[in-house]
Amino acid sequence: MGDPRKQKKLFHRPRRIWTTDQLNAELYIMGSYGLRNKRELWKAQTEMARVRNQARALLALPTEVRAEKEKRLLNFLSRIGLVKEGATLDDILGLKVEDLLERRLQTIVMKRMSTKSASQARQIVNHGHVSIGNRKVNRPGYIVKTEEESKILVHVEIPSAAPTGDGGATPAS
């Protein structure tokens, strides 16, 4: 067993990080979802690879053996909102990294509040203006479960994008 104070890495970086197509794809995803660095993207890619590998391993097992494990995996993925209730292992193999990134708290706040950018949504979450139920959550990468989605509250108002025309000054009454 390893030392509990030394945690293992949660990601595997790509073997070739300097290919042009991969760089462009990563930058597009990072900009779309407001990721801080490529490590956050690599964590999501590693998690999706882990789930797909589990599904592939289950497909290789005999039907009697895989029934309960398949049910547990599908229940877990439906709880976090990656697959629907009547999904199969083939649906798991069709998942993409974007599906997991859509379940991040930062992305849900961005879509629900229609912030100006993903960076603004990240800032709102980081500064502690978001709670799920009675619990304050300040981690933008938090994966929101389906039952928690309706409990998300944002405790800040975003100013409208329309300028007031007077340089931002409010009239004294």
N, C-alpha and C. Protein backbone atom coordinates (compact mmCIF):
# COMPACT_ATOMS: atom_id res chain seq x y z
N MET A 1 0.84 -1.17 0.00
CA MET A 1 0.00 0.00 0.00
C MET A 1 0.88 1.23 0.00
N GLY A 2 0.39 2.27 -0.61
CA GLY A 2 1.15 3.50 -0.70
C GLY A 2 0.98 4.37 0.53
N ASP A 3 1.79 5.38 0.60
CA ASP A 3 1.74 6.32 1.70
C ASP A 3 0.47 7.16 1.57
N PRO A 4 -0.37 7.25 2.60
CA PRO A 4 -1.62 8.01 2.48
C PRO A 4 -1.38 9.51 2.30
N ARG A 5 -0.19 9.98 2.65
CA ARG A 5 0.08 11.41 2.47
C ARG A 5 0.46 11.74 1.04
N LYS A 6 0.80 10.73 0.27
CA LYS A 6 1.21 10.97 -1.12
C LYS A 6 0.11 10.45 -2.03
N GLN A 7 -0.69 11.35 -2.51
CA GLN A 7 -1.80 10.94 -3.35
C GLN A 7 -1.32 10.67 -4.77
N LYS A 8 -2.04 9.80 -5.45
CA LYS A 8 -1.68 9.49 -6.82
C LYS A 8 -2.25 10.54 -7.76
N LYS A 9 -1.68 10.62 -8.95
CA LYS A 9 -2.18 11.55 -9.95
C LYS A 9 -3.56 11.12 -10.40
N LEU A 10 -4.40 12.10 -10.67
CA LEU A 10 -5.75 11.81 -11.14
C LEU A 10 -5.87 11.90 -12.64
N PHE A 11 -4.75 12.05 -13.33
CA PHE A 11 -4.81 12.21 -14.77
C PHE A 11 -3.60 11.57 -15.42
N HIS A 12 -3.75 11.29 -16.69
CA HIS A 12 -2.65 10.85 -17.55
C HIS A 12 -2.59 11.84 -18.69
N ARG A 13 -1.42 12.41 -18.89
CA ARG A 13 -1.31 13.36 -20.00
C ARG A 13 -1.14 12.59 -21.30
N PRO A 14 -1.48 13.20 -22.41
CA PRO A 14 -1.34 12.51 -23.70
C PRO A 14 0.12 12.18 -23.99
N ARG A 15 0.34 11.16 -24.78
CA ARG A 15 1.72 10.77 -25.10
C ARG A 15 2.40 11.83 -25.93
N ARG A 16 1.68 12.40 -26.87
CA ARG A 16 2.25 13.46 -27.71
C ARG A 16 1.42 14.71 -27.48
N ILE A 17 2.01 15.67 -26.77
CA ILE A 17 1.23 16.86 -26.42
C ILE A 17 1.42 18.00 -27.41
N TRP A 18 2.29 17.83 -28.40
CA TRP A 18 2.58 18.94 -29.29
C TRP A 18 2.04 18.76 -30.70
N THR A 19 1.11 17.85 -30.93
CA THR A 19 0.53 17.73 -32.26
C THR A 19 -0.48 18.86 -32.47
N THR A 20 -0.48 19.43 -33.64
CA THR A 20 -1.27 20.63 -33.92
C THR A 20 -2.77 20.37 -33.74
N ASP A 21 -3.25 19.26 -34.27
CA ASP A 21 -4.68 18.96 -34.16
C ASP A 21 -5.11 18.82 -32.71
N GLN A 22 -4.28 18.13 -31.94
CA GLN A 22 -4.62 17.93 -30.53
C GLN A 22 -4.58 19.25 -29.76
N LEU A 23 -3.57 20.08 -30.05
CA LEU A 23 -3.48 21.39 -29.38
C LEU A 23 -4.71 22.24 -29.68
N ASN A 24 -5.12 22.26 -30.94
CA ASN A 24 -6.29 23.05 -31.31
C ASN A 24 -7.57 22.53 -30.65
N ALA A 25 -7.72 21.21 -30.63
CA ALA A 25 -8.92 20.63 -30.00
C ALA A 25 -8.94 20.92 -28.50
N GLU A 26 -7.79 20.79 -27.85
CA GLU A 26 -7.73 21.06 -26.41
C GLU A 26 -8.01 22.52 -26.10
N LEU A 27 -7.45 23.42 -26.89
CA LEU A 27 -7.69 24.85 -26.65
C LEU A 27 -9.15 25.22 -26.86
N TYR A 28 -9.79 24.61 -27.86
CA TYR A 28 -11.21 24.88 -28.09
C TYR A 28 -12.05 24.43 -26.90
N ILE A 29 -11.78 23.22 -26.41
CA ILE A 29 -12.54 22.70 -25.26
C ILE A 29 -12.27 23.53 -24.02
N MET A 30 -11.01 23.90 -23.81
CA MET A 30 -10.67 24.71 -22.64
C MET A 30 -11.38 26.06 -22.68
N GLY A 31 -11.45 26.67 -23.85
CA GLY A 31 -12.12 27.95 -23.97
C GLY A 31 -13.63 27.83 -23.83
N SER A 32 -14.20 26.76 -24.35
CA SER A 32 -15.65 26.56 -24.29
C SER A 32 -16.14 26.32 -22.87
N TYR A 33 -15.36 25.59 -22.09
CA TYR A 33 -15.80 25.23 -20.75
C TYR A 33 -15.08 26.00 -19.65
N GLY A 34 -14.20 26.93 -20.01
CA GLY A 34 -13.54 27.78 -19.03
C GLY A 34 -12.60 27.03 -18.10
N LEU A 35 -11.89 26.05 -18.63
CA LEU A 35 -10.96 25.30 -17.79
C LEU A 35 -9.72 26.13 -17.51
N ARG A 36 -9.15 25.98 -16.34
CA ARG A 36 -8.02 26.79 -15.93
C ARG A 36 -6.74 26.37 -16.64
N ASN A 37 -6.53 25.08 -16.75
CA ASN A 37 -5.34 24.57 -17.42
C ASN A 37 -5.65 23.21 -18.04
N LYS A 38 -4.68 22.68 -18.75
CA LYS A 38 -4.92 21.42 -19.44
C LYS A 38 -5.03 20.26 -18.47
N ARG A 39 -4.52 20.43 -17.26
CA ARG A 39 -4.64 19.37 -16.27
C ARG A 39 -6.10 19.07 -15.97
N GLU A 40 -6.94 20.09 -15.92
CA GLU A 40 -8.37 19.86 -15.69
C GLU A 40 -8.99 19.07 -16.84
N LEU A 41 -8.59 19.38 -18.06
CA LEU A 41 -9.08 18.63 -19.21
C LEU A 41 -8.58 17.20 -19.17
N TRP A 42 -7.32 17.01 -18.83
CA TRP A 42 -6.75 15.66 -18.78
C TRP A 42 -7.41 14.83 -17.69
N LYS A 43 -7.83 15.46 -16.58
CA LYS A 43 -8.55 14.72 -15.54
C LYS A 43 -9.88 14.20 -16.07
N ALA A 44 -10.59 15.06 -16.81
CA ALA A 44 -11.87 14.64 -17.38
C ALA A 44 -11.67 13.53 -18.41
N GLN A 45 -10.63 13.66 -19.24
CA GLN A 45 -10.36 12.63 -20.23
C GLN A 45 -10.01 11.30 -19.57
N THR A 46 -9.24 11.35 -18.49
CA THR A 46 -8.87 10.14 -17.78
C THR A 46 -10.08 9.48 -17.14
N GLU A 47 -10.96 10.29 -16.57
CA GLU A 47 -12.17 9.75 -15.95
C GLU A 47 -13.06 9.08 -16.99
N MET A 48 -13.22 9.71 -18.15
CA MET A 48 -14.04 9.10 -19.20
C MET A 48 -13.40 7.83 -19.73
N ALA A 49 -12.08 7.82 -19.84
CA ALA A 49 -11.39 6.60 -20.28
C ALA A 49 -11.58 5.48 -19.27
N ARG A 50 -11.56 5.81 -17.98
CA ARG A 50 -11.77 4.81 -16.94
C ARG A 50 -13.17 4.20 -17.04
N VAL A 51 -14.17 5.05 -17.26
CA VAL A 51 -15.55 4.56 -17.36
C VAL A 51 -15.72 3.70 -18.61
N ARG A 52 -15.16 4.14 -19.73
CA ARG A 52 -15.27 3.35 -20.96
C ARG A 52 -14.54 2.02 -20.84
N ASN A 53 -13.39 2.02 -20.15
CA ASN A 53 -12.66 0.76 -19.94
C ASN A 53 -13.47 -0.20 -19.07
N GLN A 54 -14.17 0.32 -18.07
CA GLN A 54 -15.03 -0.52 -17.26
C GLN A 54 -16.13 -1.15 -18.12
N ALA A 55 -16.70 -0.34 -19.00
CA ALA A 55 -17.78 -0.85 -19.87
C ALA A 55 -17.24 -1.92 -20.82
N ARG A 56 -16.06 -1.70 -21.38
CA ARG A 56 -15.46 -2.70 -22.26
C ARG A 56 -15.17 -4.00 -21.52
N ALA A 57 -14.68 -3.88 -20.29
CA ALA A 57 -14.38 -5.07 -19.50
C ALA A 57 -15.67 -5.83 -19.17
N LEU A 58 -16.74 -5.11 -18.91
CA LEU A 58 -18.02 -5.77 -18.62
C LEU A 58 -18.58 -6.46 -19.86
N LEU A 59 -18.38 -5.87 -21.02
CA LEU A 59 -18.87 -6.50 -22.25
C LEU A 59 -18.16 -7.83 -22.53
N ALA A 60 -16.93 -7.95 -22.04
CA ALA A 60 -16.18 -9.18 -22.27
C ALA A 60 -16.61 -10.31 -21.34
N LEU A 61 -17.30 -9.98 -20.25
CA LEU A 61 -17.72 -11.01 -19.29
C LEU A 61 -18.97 -11.73 -19.77
N PRO A 62 -19.21 -12.94 -19.25
CA PRO A 62 -20.47 -13.64 -19.56
C PRO A 62 -21.66 -12.87 -18.98
N THR A 63 -22.82 -13.04 -19.56
CA THR A 63 -24.00 -12.27 -19.19
C THR A 63 -24.39 -12.44 -17.73
N GLU A 64 -24.29 -13.66 -17.19
CA GLU A 64 -24.70 -13.90 -15.80
C GLU A 64 -23.79 -13.16 -14.83
N VAL A 65 -22.52 -13.10 -15.15
CA VAL A 65 -21.54 -12.51 -14.24
C VAL A 65 -21.63 -10.98 -14.26
N ARG A 66 -21.90 -10.41 -15.41
CA ARG A 66 -21.82 -8.96 -15.53
C ARG A 66 -23.11 -8.23 -15.13
N ALA A 67 -24.19 -8.93 -14.87
CA ALA A 67 -25.49 -8.29 -14.65
C ALA A 67 -25.45 -7.28 -13.52
N GLU A 68 -24.94 -7.68 -12.34
CA GLU A 68 -24.95 -6.76 -11.21
C GLU A 68 -23.96 -5.62 -11.38
N LYS A 69 -22.77 -5.94 -11.90
CA LYS A 69 -21.76 -4.89 -12.10
C LYS A 69 -22.23 -3.88 -13.13
N GLU A 70 -22.90 -4.36 -14.16
CA GLU A 70 -23.44 -3.47 -15.19
C GLU A 70 -24.51 -2.55 -14.59
N LYS A 71 -25.35 -3.13 -13.74
CA LYS A 71 -26.41 -2.33 -13.10
C LYS A 71 -25.81 -1.25 -12.20
N ARG A 72 -24.75 -1.60 -11.43
CA ARG A 72 -24.11 -0.61 -10.56
C ARG A 72 -23.47 0.52 -11.36
N LEU A 73 -22.79 0.18 -12.44
CA LEU A 73 -22.14 1.20 -13.27
C LEU A 73 -23.18 2.12 -13.90
N LEU A 74 -24.25 1.54 -14.42
CA LEU A 74 -25.30 2.36 -15.05
C LEU A 74 -26.01 3.23 -14.03
N ASN A 75 -26.23 2.73 -12.81
CA ASN A 75 -26.85 3.54 -11.76
C ASN A 75 -25.96 4.72 -11.39
N PHE A 76 -24.66 4.47 -11.27
CA PHE A 76 -23.72 5.54 -10.94
C PHE A 76 -23.73 6.62 -12.02
N LEU A 77 -23.66 6.21 -13.27
CA LEU A 77 -23.61 7.17 -14.37
C LEU A 77 -24.93 7.91 -14.54
N SER A 78 -26.04 7.26 -14.25
CA SER A 78 -27.33 7.96 -14.35
C SER A 78 -27.51 8.92 -13.18
N ARG A 79 -26.94 8.60 -12.01
CA ARG A 79 -27.00 9.51 -10.87
C ARG A 79 -26.25 10.80 -11.13
N ILE A 80 -25.12 10.71 -11.83
CA ILE A 80 -24.38 11.95 -12.12
C ILE A 80 -24.81 12.56 -13.46
N GLY A 81 -25.78 11.95 -14.12
CA GLY A 81 -26.38 12.57 -15.28
C GLY A 81 -25.66 12.33 -16.60
N LEU A 82 -24.81 11.33 -16.68
CA LEU A 82 -24.11 11.07 -17.94
C LEU A 82 -24.93 10.21 -18.89
N VAL A 83 -25.77 9.34 -18.36
CA VAL A 83 -26.63 8.51 -19.21
C VAL A 83 -28.06 8.58 -18.68
N LYS A 84 -29.00 8.20 -19.51
CA LYS A 84 -30.42 8.17 -19.11
C LYS A 84 -30.71 6.87 -18.37
N GLU A 85 -31.92 6.73 -17.89
CA GLU A 85 -32.30 5.57 -17.08
C GLU A 85 -32.21 4.25 -17.84
N GLY A 86 -32.69 4.19 -19.06
CA GLY A 86 -32.72 2.93 -19.79
C GLY A 86 -31.49 2.71 -20.65
N ALA A 87 -30.33 3.16 -20.23
CA ALA A 87 -29.13 3.09 -21.04
C ALA A 87 -28.51 1.69 -21.01
N THR A 88 -27.65 1.44 -21.97
CA THR A 88 -26.93 0.16 -22.04
C THR A 88 -25.43 0.45 -22.03
N LEU A 89 -24.64 -0.61 -22.05
CA LEU A 89 -23.19 -0.45 -22.07
C LEU A 89 -22.72 0.21 -23.36
N ASP A 90 -23.45 0.01 -24.45
CA ASP A 90 -23.08 0.66 -25.71
C ASP A 90 -23.22 2.18 -25.61
N ASP A 91 -24.18 2.65 -24.81
CA ASP A 91 -24.33 4.09 -24.61
C ASP A 91 -23.13 4.65 -23.85
N ILE A 92 -22.58 3.87 -22.93
CA ILE A 92 -21.41 4.31 -22.18
C ILE A 92 -20.22 4.45 -23.11
N LEU A 93 -20.08 3.53 -24.04
CA LEU A 93 -18.95 3.59 -24.97
C LEU A 93 -19.06 4.80 -25.90
N GLY A 94 -20.25 5.35 -26.05
CA GLY A 94 -20.44 6.52 -26.90
C GLY A 94 -20.25 7.85 -26.18
N LEU A 95 -19.94 7.83 -24.90
CA LEU A 95 -19.76 9.08 -24.15
C LEU A 95 -18.49 9.80 -24.58
N LYS A 96 -18.55 11.13 -24.50
CA LYS A 96 -17.40 11.96 -24.85
C LYS A 96 -17.00 12.77 -23.62
N VAL A 97 -15.85 13.40 -23.69
CA VAL A 97 -15.35 14.23 -22.59
C VAL A 97 -16.29 15.41 -22.36
N GLU A 98 -16.87 15.92 -23.42
CA GLU A 98 -17.78 17.07 -23.30
C GLU A 98 -18.99 16.73 -22.44
N ASP A 99 -19.42 15.47 -22.46
CA ASP A 99 -20.56 15.05 -21.64
C ASP A 99 -20.24 15.21 -20.15
N LEU A 100 -19.02 14.87 -19.77
CA LEU A 100 -18.62 15.03 -18.38
C LEU A 100 -18.41 16.50 -18.03
N LEU A 101 -17.84 17.27 -18.95
CA LEU A 101 -17.60 18.70 -18.69
C LEU A 101 -18.91 19.47 -18.56
N GLU A 102 -19.97 18.98 -19.20
CA GLU A 102 -21.28 19.61 -19.07
C GLU A 102 -21.86 19.46 -17.66
N ARG A 103 -21.40 18.48 -16.91
CA ARG A 103 -21.91 18.22 -15.57
C ARG A 103 -21.14 18.97 -14.48
N ARG A 104 -20.12 19.74 -14.86
CA ARG A 104 -19.36 20.52 -13.88
C ARG A 104 -20.21 21.69 -13.38
N LEU A 105 -20.00 22.06 -12.12
CA LEU A 105 -20.76 23.16 -11.52
C LEU A 105 -20.54 24.46 -12.28
N GLN A 106 -19.33 24.70 -12.71
CA GLN A 106 -19.02 25.92 -13.45
C GLN A 106 -19.85 26.02 -14.73
N THR A 107 -19.97 24.93 -15.46
CA THR A 107 -20.72 24.93 -16.71
C THR A 107 -22.21 25.10 -16.46
N ILE A 108 -22.72 24.46 -15.43
CA ILE A 108 -24.15 24.57 -15.13
C ILE A 108 -24.49 25.99 -14.69
N VAL A 109 -23.62 26.61 -13.89
CA VAL A 109 -23.84 28.01 -13.49
C VAL A 109 -23.78 28.92 -14.71
N MET A 110 -22.84 28.65 -15.61
CA MET A 110 -22.69 29.46 -16.83
C MET A 110 -23.96 29.39 -17.67
N LYS A 111 -24.52 28.20 -17.85
CA LYS A 111 -25.70 28.06 -18.70
C LYS A 111 -26.95 28.57 -18.01
N ARG A 112 -27.08 28.33 -16.71
CA ARG A 112 -28.28 28.73 -16.00
C ARG A 112 -28.36 30.25 -15.83
N MET A 113 -27.23 30.89 -15.51
CA MET A 113 -27.24 32.33 -15.24
C MET A 113 -26.95 33.15 -16.49
N SER A 114 -26.60 32.49 -17.56
CA SER A 114 -26.19 33.14 -18.82
C SER A 114 -25.17 34.25 -18.54
N THR A 115 -24.05 33.82 -17.94
CA THR A 115 -22.96 34.75 -17.66
C THR A 115 -22.30 35.16 -18.97
N LYS A 116 -21.48 36.21 -18.88
CA LYS A 116 -20.82 36.71 -20.08
C LYS A 116 -19.80 35.72 -20.63
N SER A 117 -19.17 34.97 -19.75
CA SER A 117 -18.17 34.01 -20.19
C SER A 117 -18.07 32.87 -19.18
N ALA A 118 -17.35 31.85 -19.57
CA ALA A 118 -17.13 30.73 -18.66
C ALA A 118 -16.22 31.16 -17.51
N SER A 119 -15.33 32.10 -17.77
CA SER A 119 -14.44 32.59 -16.72
C SER A 119 -15.22 33.32 -15.63
N GLN A 120 -16.26 34.04 -16.02
CA GLN A 120 -17.08 34.73 -15.04
C GLN A 120 -17.84 33.72 -14.16
N ALA A 121 -18.32 32.66 -14.78
CA ALA A 121 -19.00 31.61 -14.01
C ALA A 121 -18.02 30.96 -13.05
N ARG A 122 -16.80 30.74 -13.49
CA ARG A 122 -15.78 30.15 -12.63
C ARG A 122 -15.50 31.07 -11.44
N GLN A 123 -15.44 32.36 -11.69
CA GLN A 123 -15.17 33.33 -10.62
C GLN A 123 -16.32 33.34 -9.60
N ILE A 124 -17.54 33.27 -10.09
CA ILE A 124 -18.70 33.25 -9.18
C ILE A 124 -18.63 32.04 -8.27
N VAL A 125 -18.26 30.88 -8.83
CA VAL A 125 -18.17 29.67 -8.02
C VAL A 125 -17.00 29.76 -7.05
N ASN A 126 -15.84 30.20 -7.52
CA ASN A 126 -14.65 30.29 -6.68
C ASN A 126 -14.85 31.23 -5.49
N HIS A 127 -15.58 32.29 -5.68
CA HIS A 127 -15.76 33.28 -4.63
C HIS A 127 -16.83 32.89 -3.62
N GLY A 128 -17.41 31.72 -3.79
CA GLY A 128 -18.34 31.21 -2.80
C GLY A 128 -19.74 31.74 -2.92
N HIS A 129 -20.16 32.16 -4.11
CA HIS A 129 -21.51 32.69 -4.30
C HIS A 129 -22.51 31.61 -4.71
N VAL A 130 -22.09 30.35 -4.72
CA VAL A 130 -22.97 29.27 -5.17
C VAL A 130 -23.13 28.27 -4.04
N SER A 131 -24.37 27.84 -3.83
CA SER A 131 -24.62 26.80 -2.84
C SER A 131 -25.51 25.74 -3.47
N ILE A 132 -25.35 24.52 -2.97
CA ILE A 132 -26.20 23.41 -3.38
C ILE A 132 -26.94 22.97 -2.13
N GLY A 133 -28.21 23.30 -2.08
CA GLY A 133 -28.98 23.06 -0.86
C GLY A 133 -28.50 24.02 0.22
N ASN A 134 -28.07 23.48 1.36
CA ASN A 134 -27.57 24.31 2.45
C ASN A 134 -26.05 24.35 2.49
N ARG A 135 -25.39 23.81 1.49
CA ARG A 135 -23.94 23.64 1.50
C ARG A 135 -23.29 24.54 0.45
N LYS A 136 -22.36 25.37 0.89
CA LYS A 136 -21.64 26.24 -0.04
C LYS A 136 -20.59 25.42 -0.78
N VAL A 137 -20.56 25.54 -2.09
CA VAL A 137 -19.60 24.81 -2.91
C VAL A 137 -18.79 25.83 -3.69
N ASN A 138 -17.46 25.78 -3.51
CA ASN A 138 -16.61 26.73 -4.23
C ASN A 138 -15.58 26.02 -5.10
N ARG A 139 -15.95 24.85 -5.61
CA ARG A 139 -15.09 24.11 -6.52
C ARG A 139 -15.74 24.09 -7.90
N PRO A 140 -15.15 24.77 -8.87
CA PRO A 140 -15.77 24.80 -10.21
C PRO A 140 -15.85 23.43 -10.87
N GLY A 141 -14.96 22.52 -10.52
CA GLY A 141 -14.93 21.20 -11.13
C GLY A 141 -15.84 20.20 -10.45
N TYR A 142 -16.67 20.63 -9.51
CA TYR A 142 -17.57 19.73 -8.80
C TYR A 142 -18.57 19.14 -9.79
N ILE A 143 -18.69 17.82 -9.81
CA ILE A 143 -19.64 17.15 -10.71
C ILE A 143 -21.00 17.14 -10.03
N VAL A 144 -21.97 17.80 -10.64
CA VAL A 144 -23.30 17.96 -10.06
C VAL A 144 -24.14 16.73 -10.37
N LYS A 145 -24.72 16.16 -9.34
CA LYS A 145 -25.60 15.01 -9.52
C LYS A 145 -26.98 15.50 -9.97
N THR A 146 -27.76 14.63 -10.54
CA THR A 146 -29.04 15.04 -11.10
C THR A 146 -30.01 15.53 -10.03
N GLU A 147 -29.99 14.91 -8.84
CA GLU A 147 -30.90 15.36 -7.80
C GLU A 147 -30.44 16.68 -7.18
N GLU A 148 -29.17 17.03 -7.31
CA GLU A 148 -28.66 18.29 -6.78
C GLU A 148 -28.88 19.46 -7.74
N GLU A 149 -29.15 19.16 -8.98
CA GLU A 149 -29.23 20.21 -10.00
C GLU A 149 -30.32 21.24 -9.70
N SER A 150 -31.44 20.80 -9.14
CA SER A 150 -32.52 21.72 -8.84
C SER A 150 -32.24 22.52 -7.56
N LYS A 151 -31.27 22.11 -6.77
CA LYS A 151 -30.97 22.77 -5.50
C LYS A 151 -29.87 23.83 -5.62
N ILE A 152 -29.37 24.09 -6.82
CA ILE A 152 -28.29 25.05 -7.00
C ILE A 152 -28.84 26.46 -6.84
N LEU A 153 -28.23 27.21 -5.95
CA LEU A 153 -28.61 28.60 -5.73
C LEU A 153 -27.39 29.49 -5.93
N VAL A 154 -27.59 30.60 -6.63
CA VAL A 154 -26.52 31.57 -6.83
C VAL A 154 -26.88 32.82 -6.05
N HIS A 155 -25.97 33.26 -5.19
CA HIS A 155 -26.25 34.35 -4.26
C HIS A 155 -25.63 35.66 -4.72
N VAL A 156 -25.62 35.94 -5.99
CA VAL A 156 -25.07 37.18 -6.51
C VAL A 156 -25.86 37.56 -7.75
N GLU A 157 -26.00 38.83 -7.99
CA GLU A 157 -26.67 39.30 -9.20
C GLU A 157 -25.62 39.73 -10.19
N ILE A 158 -25.80 39.30 -11.42
CA ILE A 158 -24.89 39.71 -12.48
C ILE A 158 -25.45 40.97 -13.10
N PRO A 159 -24.65 42.04 -13.18
CA PRO A 159 -25.17 43.27 -13.79
C PRO A 159 -25.48 43.05 -15.25
N SER A 160 -26.47 43.79 -15.74
CA SER A 160 -26.85 43.63 -17.14
C SER A 160 -25.75 44.18 -18.03
N ALA A 161 -25.69 43.68 -19.25
CA ALA A 161 -24.63 44.06 -20.17
C ALA A 161 -24.90 45.42 -20.81
N ALA A 162 -26.12 45.93 -20.71
CA ALA A 162 -26.46 47.20 -21.34
C ALA A 162 -25.88 48.37 -20.54
N PRO A 163 -25.14 49.25 -21.20
CA PRO A 163 -24.58 50.40 -20.48
C PRO A 163 -25.68 51.40 -20.13
N THR A 164 -25.47 52.13 -19.03
CA THR A 164 -26.47 53.10 -18.59
C THR A 164 -26.39 54.41 -19.34
N GLY A 165 -25.25 54.67 -19.97
CA GLY A 165 -25.12 55.88 -20.76
C GLY A 165 -24.56 57.07 -19.99
N ASP A 166 -24.44 56.94 -18.68
CA ASP A 166 -23.92 58.06 -17.88
C ASP A 166 -22.58 57.70 -17.25
N GLY A 167 -21.85 56.76 -17.87
CA GLY A 167 -20.54 56.41 -17.36
C GLY A 167 -20.59 55.51 -16.13
N GLY A 168 -21.73 54.93 -15.84
CA GLY A 168 -21.84 54.02 -14.73
C GLY A 168 -22.23 54.69 -13.43
N ALA A 169 -22.36 56.01 -13.41
CA ALA A 169 -22.71 56.70 -12.18
C ALA A 169 -24.20 56.61 -11.94
N THR A 170 -24.59 56.43 -10.71
CA THR A 170 -26.00 56.40 -10.39
C THR A 170 -26.42 57.77 -9.86
N PRO A 171 -27.57 58.26 -10.24
CA PRO A 171 -27.99 59.59 -9.80
C PRO A 171 -28.30 59.62 -8.31
N ALA A 172 -27.95 60.71 -7.68
CA ALA A 172 -28.25 60.86 -6.24
C ALA A 172 -29.69 61.31 -6.08
N SER A 173 -30.43 60.66 -5.20
CA SER A 173 -31.84 61.00 -5.02
C SER A 173 -32.02 61.90 -3.85
